[in-house]
C-alpha atoms as a PDB file:
ATOM      1  CA  MET A   1     -59.184 -71.491 -57.688  1.00  0.00           C
ATOM      2  CA  ALA A   2     -61.685 -68.805 -58.680  1.00  0.00           C
ATOM      3  CA  PHE A   3     -59.450 -67.912 -61.620  1.00  0.00           C
ATOM      4  CA  LYS A   4     -59.426 -71.524 -62.804  1.00  0.00           C
ATOM      5  CA  HIS A   5     -63.217 -71.685 -62.618  1.00  0.00           C
ATOM      6  CA  SER A   6     -63.499 -68.435 -64.577  1.00  0.00           C
ATOM      7  CA  LEU A   7     -61.073 -69.728 -67.171  1.00  0.00           C
ATOM      8  CA  ALA A   8     -63.009 -72.984 -67.512  1.00  0.00           C
ATOM      9  CA  ALA A   9     -66.308 -71.093 -67.835  1.00  0.00           C
ATOM     10  CA  ALA A  10     -64.848 -68.831 -70.500  1.00  0.00           C
ATOM     11  CA  PHE A  11     -63.530 -71.843 -72.393  1.00  0.00           C
ATOM     12  CA  LEU A  12     -66.942 -73.538 -72.280  1.00  0.00           C
ATOM     13  CA  LEU A  13     -68.589 -70.346 -73.495  1.00  0.00           C
ATOM     14  CA  PHE A  14     -66.096 -70.163 -76.343  1.00  0.00           C
ATOM     15  CA  LEU A  15     -66.894 -73.741 -77.343  1.00  0.00           C
ATOM     16  CA  ALA A  16     -70.615 -73.012 -77.217  1.00  0.00           C
ATOM     17  CA  LEU A  17     -70.213 -69.957 -79.429  1.00  0.00           C
ATOM     18  CA  CYS A  18     -68.107 -71.938 -81.890  1.00  0.00           C
ATOM     19  CA  GLY A  19     -70.789 -74.605 -81.984  1.00  0.00           C
ATOM     20  CA  ALA A  20     -73.501 -72.028 -82.609  1.00  0.00           C
ATOM     21  CA  ILE A  21     -71.510 -70.433 -85.414  1.00  0.00           C
ATOM     22  CA  SER A  22     -70.806 -73.811 -86.946  1.00  0.00           C
ATOM     23  CA  SER A  23     -74.484 -74.726 -86.741  1.00  0.00           C
ATOM     24  CA  ALA A  24     -75.496 -71.455 -88.379  1.00  0.00           C
ATOM     25  CA  ARG A  25     -73.048 -72.032 -91.183  1.00  0.00           C
ATOM     26  CA  ALA A  26     -74.473 -75.498 -91.731  1.00  0.00           C
ATOM     27  CA  GLU A  27     -77.922 -74.111 -92.510  1.00  0.00           C
ATOM     28  CA  PRO A  28     -78.681 -74.231 -96.241  1.00  0.00           C
ATOM     29  CA  LEU A  29     -79.056 -70.935 -98.064  1.00  0.00           C
ATOM     30  CA  GLU A  30     -82.764 -70.255 -98.524  1.00  0.00           C
ATOM     31  CA  ILE A  31     -83.917 -69.199-101.998  1.00  0.00           C
ATOM     32  CA  VAL A  32     -87.501 -68.338-102.925  1.00  0.00           C
ATOM     33  CA  GLY A  33     -88.805 -68.516-106.480  1.00  0.00           C
ATOM     34  CA  PHE A  34     -91.454 -65.788-106.438  1.00  0.00           C
ATOM     35  CA  GLY A  35     -93.636 -65.608-109.511  1.00  0.00           C
ATOM     36  CA  ASP A  36     -96.624 -66.833-111.470  1.00  0.00           C
ATOM     37  CA  SER A  37     -97.528 -70.121-113.199  1.00  0.00           C
ATOM     38  CA  LEU A  38     -94.126 -70.277-114.878  1.00  0.00           C
ATOM     39  CA  MET A  39     -92.578 -70.501-111.433  1.00  0.00           C
ATOM     40  CA  ALA A  40     -95.408 -72.536-109.896  1.00  0.00           C
ATOM     41  CA  GLY A  41     -95.015 -75.405-112.396  1.00  0.00           C
ATOM     42  CA  PHE A  42     -98.383 -75.217-114.116  1.00  0.00           C
ATOM     43  CA  GLY A  43     -99.296 -78.479-115.868  1.00  0.00           C
ATOM     44  CA  LEU A  44     -96.259 -80.359-114.567  1.00  0.00           C
ATOM     45  CA  GLY A  45     -95.904 -83.353-112.281  1.00  0.00           C
ATOM     46  CA  PRO A  46     -94.183 -83.589-108.900  1.00  0.00           C
ATOM     47  CA  GLY A  47     -90.516 -82.692-109.133  1.00  0.00           C
ATOM     48  CA  GLU A  48     -90.844 -81.332-112.681  1.00  0.00           C
ATOM     49  CA  GLY A  49     -91.259 -77.649-111.854  1.00  0.00           C
ATOM     50  CA  PHE A  50     -88.623 -74.951-112.105  1.00  0.00           C
ATOM     51  CA  THR A  51     -87.849 -74.627-108.398  1.00  0.00           C
ATOM     52  CA  ASP A  52     -87.492 -78.383-107.878  1.00  0.00           C
ATOM     53  CA  LYS A  53     -85.185 -78.781-110.850  1.00  0.00           C
ATOM     54  CA  LEU A  54     -83.182 -75.684-110.001  1.00  0.00           C
ATOM     55  CA  GLN A  55     -82.644 -76.950-106.466  1.00  0.00           C
ATOM     56  CA  ALA A  56     -81.503 -80.341-107.775  1.00  0.00           C
ATOM     57  CA  ALA A  57     -79.127 -78.715-110.270  1.00  0.00           C
ATOM     58  CA  LEU A  58     -77.615 -76.415-107.648  1.00  0.00           C
ATOM     59  CA  ARG A  59     -77.126 -79.235-105.169  1.00  0.00           C
ATOM     60  CA  ALA A  60     -75.513 -81.359-107.868  1.00  0.00           C
ATOM     61  CA  ARG A  61     -72.997 -78.534-108.275  1.00  0.00           C
ATOM     62  CA  GLY A  62     -72.207 -78.498-104.567  1.00  0.00           C
ATOM     63  CA  HIS A  63     -74.449 -75.670-103.351  1.00  0.00           C
ATOM     64  CA  ASP A  64     -76.152 -76.216 -99.998  1.00  0.00           C
ATOM     65  CA  VAL A  65     -79.472 -74.551-100.821  1.00  0.00           C
ATOM     66  CA  THR A  66     -83.218 -74.921-100.617  1.00  0.00           C
ATOM     67  CA  VAL A  67     -85.398 -73.423-103.352  1.00  0.00           C
ATOM     68  CA  ALA A  68     -88.958 -72.768-102.197  1.00  0.00           C
ATOM     69  CA  ASN A  69     -91.778 -72.479-104.706  1.00  0.00           C
ATOM     70  CA  ALA A  70     -93.729 -69.263-104.140  1.00  0.00           C
ATOM     71  CA  GLY A  71     -95.312 -69.240-107.584  1.00  0.00           C
ATOM     72  CA  VAL A  72     -99.060 -68.675-107.965  1.00  0.00           C
ATOM     73  CA  SER A  73    -100.726 -69.448-111.279  1.00  0.00           C
ATOM     74  CA  GLY A  74    -102.454 -66.421-112.768  1.00  0.00           C
ATOM     75  CA  ASP A  75    -100.635 -63.976-110.527  1.00  0.00           C
ATOM     76  CA  THR A  76    -100.007 -60.459-111.768  1.00  0.00           C
ATOM     77  CA  SER A  77     -97.486 -57.984-110.429  1.00  0.00           C
ATOM     78  CA  SER A  78    -100.298 -56.493-108.318  1.00  0.00           C
ATOM     79  CA  GLY A  79    -101.100 -59.889-106.817  1.00  0.00           C
ATOM     80  CA  GLY A  80     -97.438 -60.544-106.139  1.00  0.00           C
ATOM     81  CA  LEU A  81     -97.035 -57.230-104.349  1.00  0.00           C
ATOM     82  CA  SER A  82    -100.055 -57.913-102.136  1.00  0.00           C
ATOM     83  CA  ARG A  83     -98.741 -61.303-100.971  1.00  0.00           C
ATOM     84  CA  LEU A  84     -95.036 -60.521-100.857  1.00  0.00           C
ATOM     85  CA  ASP A  85     -94.542 -60.367 -97.097  1.00  0.00           C
ATOM     86  CA  TRP A  86     -96.098 -63.753 -96.307  1.00  0.00           C
ATOM     87  CA  SER A  87     -94.770 -65.475 -99.436  1.00  0.00           C
ATOM     88  CA  VAL A  88     -91.143 -64.585 -98.699  1.00  0.00           C
ATOM     89  CA  PRO A  89     -90.433 -65.677 -95.114  1.00  0.00           C
ATOM     90  CA  ASP A  90     -87.799 -64.315 -92.776  1.00  0.00           C
ATOM     91  CA  GLY A  91     -84.499 -66.070 -93.328  1.00  0.00           C
ATOM     92  CA  THR A  92     -84.746 -65.910 -97.112  1.00  0.00           C
ATOM     93  CA  LYS A  93     -81.385 -64.916 -98.595  1.00  0.00           C
ATOM     94  CA  LEU A  94     -82.235 -64.728-102.296  1.00  0.00           C
ATOM     95  CA  VAL A  95     -85.449 -64.172-104.255  1.00  0.00           C
ATOM     96  CA  ILE A  96     -85.766 -65.040-107.928  1.00  0.00           C
ATOM     97  CA  LEU A  97     -88.411 -62.501-108.938  1.00  0.00           C
ATOM     98  CA  GLU A  98     -90.450 -63.574-111.972  1.00  0.00           C
ATOM     99  CA  LEU A  99     -93.628 -61.583-112.557  1.00  0.00           C
ATOM    100  CA  GLY A 100     -95.165 -59.588-115.380  1.00  0.00           C
ATOM    101  CA  ALA A 101     -96.234 -62.204-117.930  1.00  0.00           C
ATOM    102  CA  ASN A 102     -99.881 -62.072-116.877  1.00  0.00           C
ATOM    103  CA  ASP A 103     -99.829 -58.280-116.827  1.00  0.00           C
ATOM    104  CA  MET A 104     -98.644 -58.424-120.420  1.00  0.00           C
ATOM    105  CA  LEU A 105    -101.237 -60.996-121.506  1.00  0.00           C
ATOM    106  CA  ARG A 106    -103.985 -58.836-119.987  1.00  0.00           C
ATOM    107  CA  GLY A 107    -102.649 -55.644-121.526  1.00  0.00           C
ATOM    108  CA  VAL A 108    -102.067 -53.999-118.138  1.00  0.00           C
ATOM    109  CA  SER A 109    -100.477 -50.577-118.381  1.00  0.00           C
ATOM    110  CA  THR A 110     -96.705 -50.941-118.338  1.00  0.00           C
ATOM    111  CA  ALA A 111     -96.535 -48.048-115.864  1.00  0.00           C
ATOM    112  CA  ILE A 112     -98.577 -50.109-113.375  1.00  0.00           C
ATOM    113  CA  THR A 113     -96.431 -53.201-113.886  1.00  0.00           C
ATOM    114  CA  GLN A 114     -93.243 -51.215-113.434  1.00  0.00           C
ATOM    115  CA  LYS A 115     -94.547 -49.516-110.266  1.00  0.00           C
ATOM    116  CA  ASN A 116     -95.560 -52.856-108.717  1.00  0.00           C
ATOM    117  CA  LEU A 117     -92.220 -54.489-109.469  1.00  0.00           C
ATOM    118  CA  ASP A 118     -90.427 -51.387-108.215  1.00  0.00           C
ATOM    119  CA  ASP A 119     -92.329 -51.622-104.917  1.00  0.00           C
ATOM    120  CA  ILE A 120     -91.494 -55.339-104.598  1.00  0.00           C
ATOM    121  CA  LEU A 121     -87.806 -54.655-105.146  1.00  0.00           C
ATOM    122  CA  ALA A 122     -87.856 -51.783-102.665  1.00  0.00           C
ATOM    123  CA  ARG A 123     -89.441 -53.921 -99.962  1.00  0.00           C
ATOM    124  CA  LEU A 124     -86.998 -56.757-100.510  1.00  0.00           C
ATOM    125  CA  ARG A 125     -84.123 -54.291-100.294  1.00  0.00           C
ATOM    126  CA  GLU A 126     -85.513 -53.002 -96.988  1.00  0.00           C
ATOM    127  CA  ARG A 127     -85.455 -56.590 -95.733  1.00  0.00           C
ATOM    128  CA  LYS A 128     -81.873 -56.988 -96.993  1.00  0.00           C
ATOM    129  CA  ILE A 129     -82.828 -59.881 -99.282  1.00  0.00           C
ATOM    130  CA  ALA A 130     -80.820 -60.286-102.493  1.00  0.00           C
ATOM    131  CA  VAL A 131     -82.797 -60.457-105.740  1.00  0.00           C
ATOM    132  CA  LEU A 132     -82.286 -61.990-109.148  1.00  0.00           C
ATOM    133  CA  LEU A 133     -84.737 -60.331-111.532  1.00  0.00           C
ATOM    134  CA  ALA A 134     -86.067 -62.674-114.219  1.00  0.00           C
ATOM    135  CA  GLY A 135     -87.247 -60.650-117.181  1.00  0.00           C
ATOM    136  CA  MET A 136     -90.168 -61.233-119.504  1.00  0.00           C
ATOM    137  CA  ARG A 137     -90.837 -60.093-123.065  1.00  0.00           C
ATOM    138  CA  ALA A 138     -94.074 -58.907-124.589  1.00  0.00           C
ATOM    139  CA  ALA A 139     -95.796 -60.771-127.392  1.00  0.00           C
ATOM    140  CA  PRO A 140     -95.307 -58.945-130.709  1.00  0.00           C
ATOM    141  CA  ASN A 141     -99.046 -58.962-131.477  1.00  0.00           C
ATOM    142  CA  LEU A 142     -99.554 -56.332-128.754  1.00  0.00           C
ATOM    143  CA  GLY A 143     -97.912 -53.734-130.945  1.00  0.00           C
ATOM    144  CA  ALA A 144     -94.475 -52.197-131.079  1.00  0.00           C
ATOM    145  CA  ASP A 145     -95.184 -49.404-128.589  1.00  0.00           C
ATOM    146  CA  TYR A 146     -96.425 -51.729-125.867  1.00  0.00           C
ATOM    147  CA  GLN A 147     -93.710 -54.268-126.616  1.00  0.00           C
ATOM    148  CA  ASN A 148     -90.913 -51.723-126.349  1.00  0.00           C
ATOM    149  CA  SER A 149     -92.340 -50.206-123.173  1.00  0.00           C
ATOM    150  CA  PHE A 150     -92.900 -53.572-121.487  1.00  0.00           C
ATOM    151  CA  ASP A 151     -89.538 -55.047-122.440  1.00  0.00           C
ATOM    152  CA  ALA A 152     -87.752 -51.994-121.034  1.00  0.00           C
ATOM    153  CA  ILE A 153     -89.217 -52.455-117.535  1.00  0.00           C
ATOM    154  CA  PHE A 154     -86.796 -55.141-116.426  1.00  0.00           C
ATOM    155  CA  PRO A 155     -83.440 -53.633-117.415  1.00  0.00           C
ATOM    156  CA  LYS A 156     -84.561 -50.280-115.984  1.00  0.00           C
ATOM    157  CA  LEU A 157     -85.389 -51.795-112.605  1.00  0.00           C
ATOM    158  CA  ALA A 158     -82.289 -53.982-112.545  1.00  0.00           C
ATOM    159  CA  GLU A 159     -80.155 -50.888-113.076  1.00  0.00           C
ATOM    160  CA  LYS A 160     -82.076 -48.830-110.519  1.00  0.00           C
ATOM    161  CA  TYR A 161     -81.692 -51.425-107.757  1.00  0.00           C
ATOM    162  CA  GLY A 162     -78.324 -52.820-108.790  1.00  0.00           C
ATOM    163  CA  VAL A 163     -79.637 -56.376-109.020  1.00  0.00           C
ATOM    164  CA  PRO A 164     -78.651 -59.022-111.575  1.00  0.00           C
ATOM    165  CA  LEU A 165     -80.995 -59.451-114.531  1.00  0.00           C
ATOM    166  CA  TYR A 166     -81.723 -62.639-116.406  1.00  0.00           C
ATOM    167  CA  PRO A 167     -83.194 -60.992-119.513  1.00  0.00           C
ATOM    168  CA  PHE A 168     -85.836 -63.574-120.507  1.00  0.00           C
ATOM    169  CA  PHE A 169     -87.100 -66.299-118.200  1.00  0.00           C
ATOM    170  CA  LEU A 170     -88.400 -68.366-121.141  1.00  0.00           C
ATOM    171  CA  ASP A 171     -85.193 -68.111-123.142  1.00  0.00           C
ATOM    172  CA  SER A 172     -84.864 -71.047-125.585  1.00  0.00           C
ATOM    173  CA  VAL A 173     -88.386 -72.254-124.715  1.00  0.00           C
ATOM    174  CA  ALA A 174     -90.757 -69.557-125.996  1.00  0.00           C
ATOM    175  CA  GLY A 175     -91.799 -70.297-129.555  1.00  0.00           C
ATOM    176  CA  GLU A 176     -90.409 -73.840-129.360  1.00  0.00           C
ATOM    177  CA  PRO A 177     -93.351 -76.309-129.410  1.00  0.00           C
ATOM    178  CA  ALA A 178     -91.142 -79.264-128.469  1.00  0.00           C
ATOM    179  CA  PHE A 179     -90.442 -77.588-125.128  1.00  0.00           C
ATOM    180  CA  GLN A 180     -93.944 -76.294-124.398  1.00  0.00           C
ATOM    181  CA  LEU A 181     -97.240 -77.659-123.194  1.00  0.00           C
ATOM    182  CA  GLU A 182    -100.092 -77.789-125.677  1.00  0.00           C
ATOM    183  CA  ASP A 183    -101.212 -74.302-124.626  1.00  0.00           C
ATOM    184  CA  GLY A 184     -98.105 -72.865-126.285  1.00  0.00           C
ATOM    185  CA  LEU A 185     -97.391 -70.721-123.219  1.00  0.00           C
ATOM    186  CA  HIS A 186     -95.969 -72.891-120.461  1.00  0.00           C
ATOM    187  CA  PRO A 187     -92.851 -75.065-120.523  1.00  0.00           C
ATOM    188  CA  ASN A 188     -93.088 -78.835-120.393  1.00  0.00           C
ATOM    189  CA  ALA A 189     -90.630 -80.867-118.311  1.00  0.00           C
ATOM    190  CA  GLN A 190     -88.009 -80.742-121.068  1.00  0.00           C
ATOM    191  CA  GLY A 191     -88.554 -77.010-121.360  1.00  0.00           C
ATOM    192  CA  VAL A 192     -87.922 -76.573-117.652  1.00  0.00           C
ATOM    193  CA  ASP A 193     -84.669 -78.489-118.045  1.00  0.00           C
ATOM    194  CA  ARG A 194     -83.639 -75.976-120.686  1.00  0.00           C
ATOM    195  CA  MET A 195     -84.633 -73.015-118.538  1.00  0.00           C
ATOM    196  CA  VAL A 196     -82.647 -74.313-115.580  1.00  0.00           C
ATOM    197  CA  GLU A 197     -79.606 -75.002-117.732  1.00  0.00           C
ATOM    198  CA  ARG A 198     -79.670 -71.473-119.167  1.00  0.00           C
ATOM    199  CA  ILE A 199     -80.257 -69.584-115.920  1.00  0.00           C
ATOM    200  CA  LEU A 200     -77.960 -71.668-113.707  1.00  0.00           C
ATOM    201  CA  PRO A 201     -74.763 -69.576-114.121  1.00  0.00           C
ATOM    202  CA  THR A 202     -76.680 -66.391-113.289  1.00  0.00           C
ATOM    203  CA  VAL A 203     -78.227 -68.011-110.208  1.00  0.00           C
ATOM    204  CA  GLU A 204     -74.797 -69.180-109.032  1.00  0.00           C
ATOM    205  CA  LYS A 205     -73.473 -65.621-109.269  1.00  0.00           C
ATOM    206  CA  ALA A 206     -76.483 -64.355-107.332  1.00  0.00           C
ATOM    207  CA  ILE A 207     -75.876 -66.979-104.646  1.00  0.00           C
ATOM    208  CA  ALA A 208     -72.269 -65.829-104.277  1.00  0.00           C
ATOM    209  CA  THR A 209     -73.500 -62.254-103.846  1.00  0.00           C
ATOM    210  CA  ALA A 210     -76.124 -63.303-101.282  1.00  0.00           C
ATOM    211  CA  GLN A 211     -73.554 -65.289 -99.306  1.00  0.00           C
ATOM    212  CA  GLY A 212     -71.153 -62.372 -99.348  1.00  0.00           C
ATOM    213  CA  ALA A 213     -73.837 -60.072 -97.972  1.00  0.00           C
ATOM    214  CA  SER A 214     -74.719 -62.460 -95.118  1.00  0.00           C
END
C-alpha cells in the first residue's frame, strides 16, 4: 500500500513539474528596446513608436514576444549606462541597444561613447542577456576624423562581444524628408514602418539566438 501511495505521489509531482515547465514555456520572450528618442518614439502618437510597431510585426510573424520601450529622449550613452540596471528588468531575454546619436550631436569624445557602450554590453553579458546592437552614423558636417572614429565604434564592439550588429538604425529614413518629422532628425510614423521592415530579419535572428541560450 505504501508503495502505491509513493507511486501516486511521484506521478502527481511529475504532473506538477510538467505543468510548471509548460507554463514557463508559455511566457512570451521579453525584449527591451533600450535607447534614446529614436527608441522612445519622440513626436509620435500612441502605437506609432518603434517598439510598438516592432512588437506588432513580430507577433504577426508568429513570435510570442513583448517589446518594452526603455527609450529616453535626449539620453546619451552616459545616461543609458547610469540607468541600465533599472531600465532592463530581470527576465529580459534580449536588449536592442540603440544609443550614441546624442553623443554625436553634442560632439562627445568617441572614446567616451565607446567606453560607455562597452560597459553596457559587459553588464548585459554578466546578466546573460542577449543583445542586438543598433548602430548609428555621424553627420558628415562633424568632419571626416570624427565621422570615421564614431562610425567605427559599433562594429568594433559587436566584434568584441560577439553580438549581432544592425549597422544603421535609421537606414532608409535618414536624409529622407518624407519619412521624417519636420525637425529632420526623427522618423515619422511611415519612417518607423520602414525601420521595422528593415531591421525585422536581424531581430528574428537575435530572437532565435536568445531562445537557444535560454
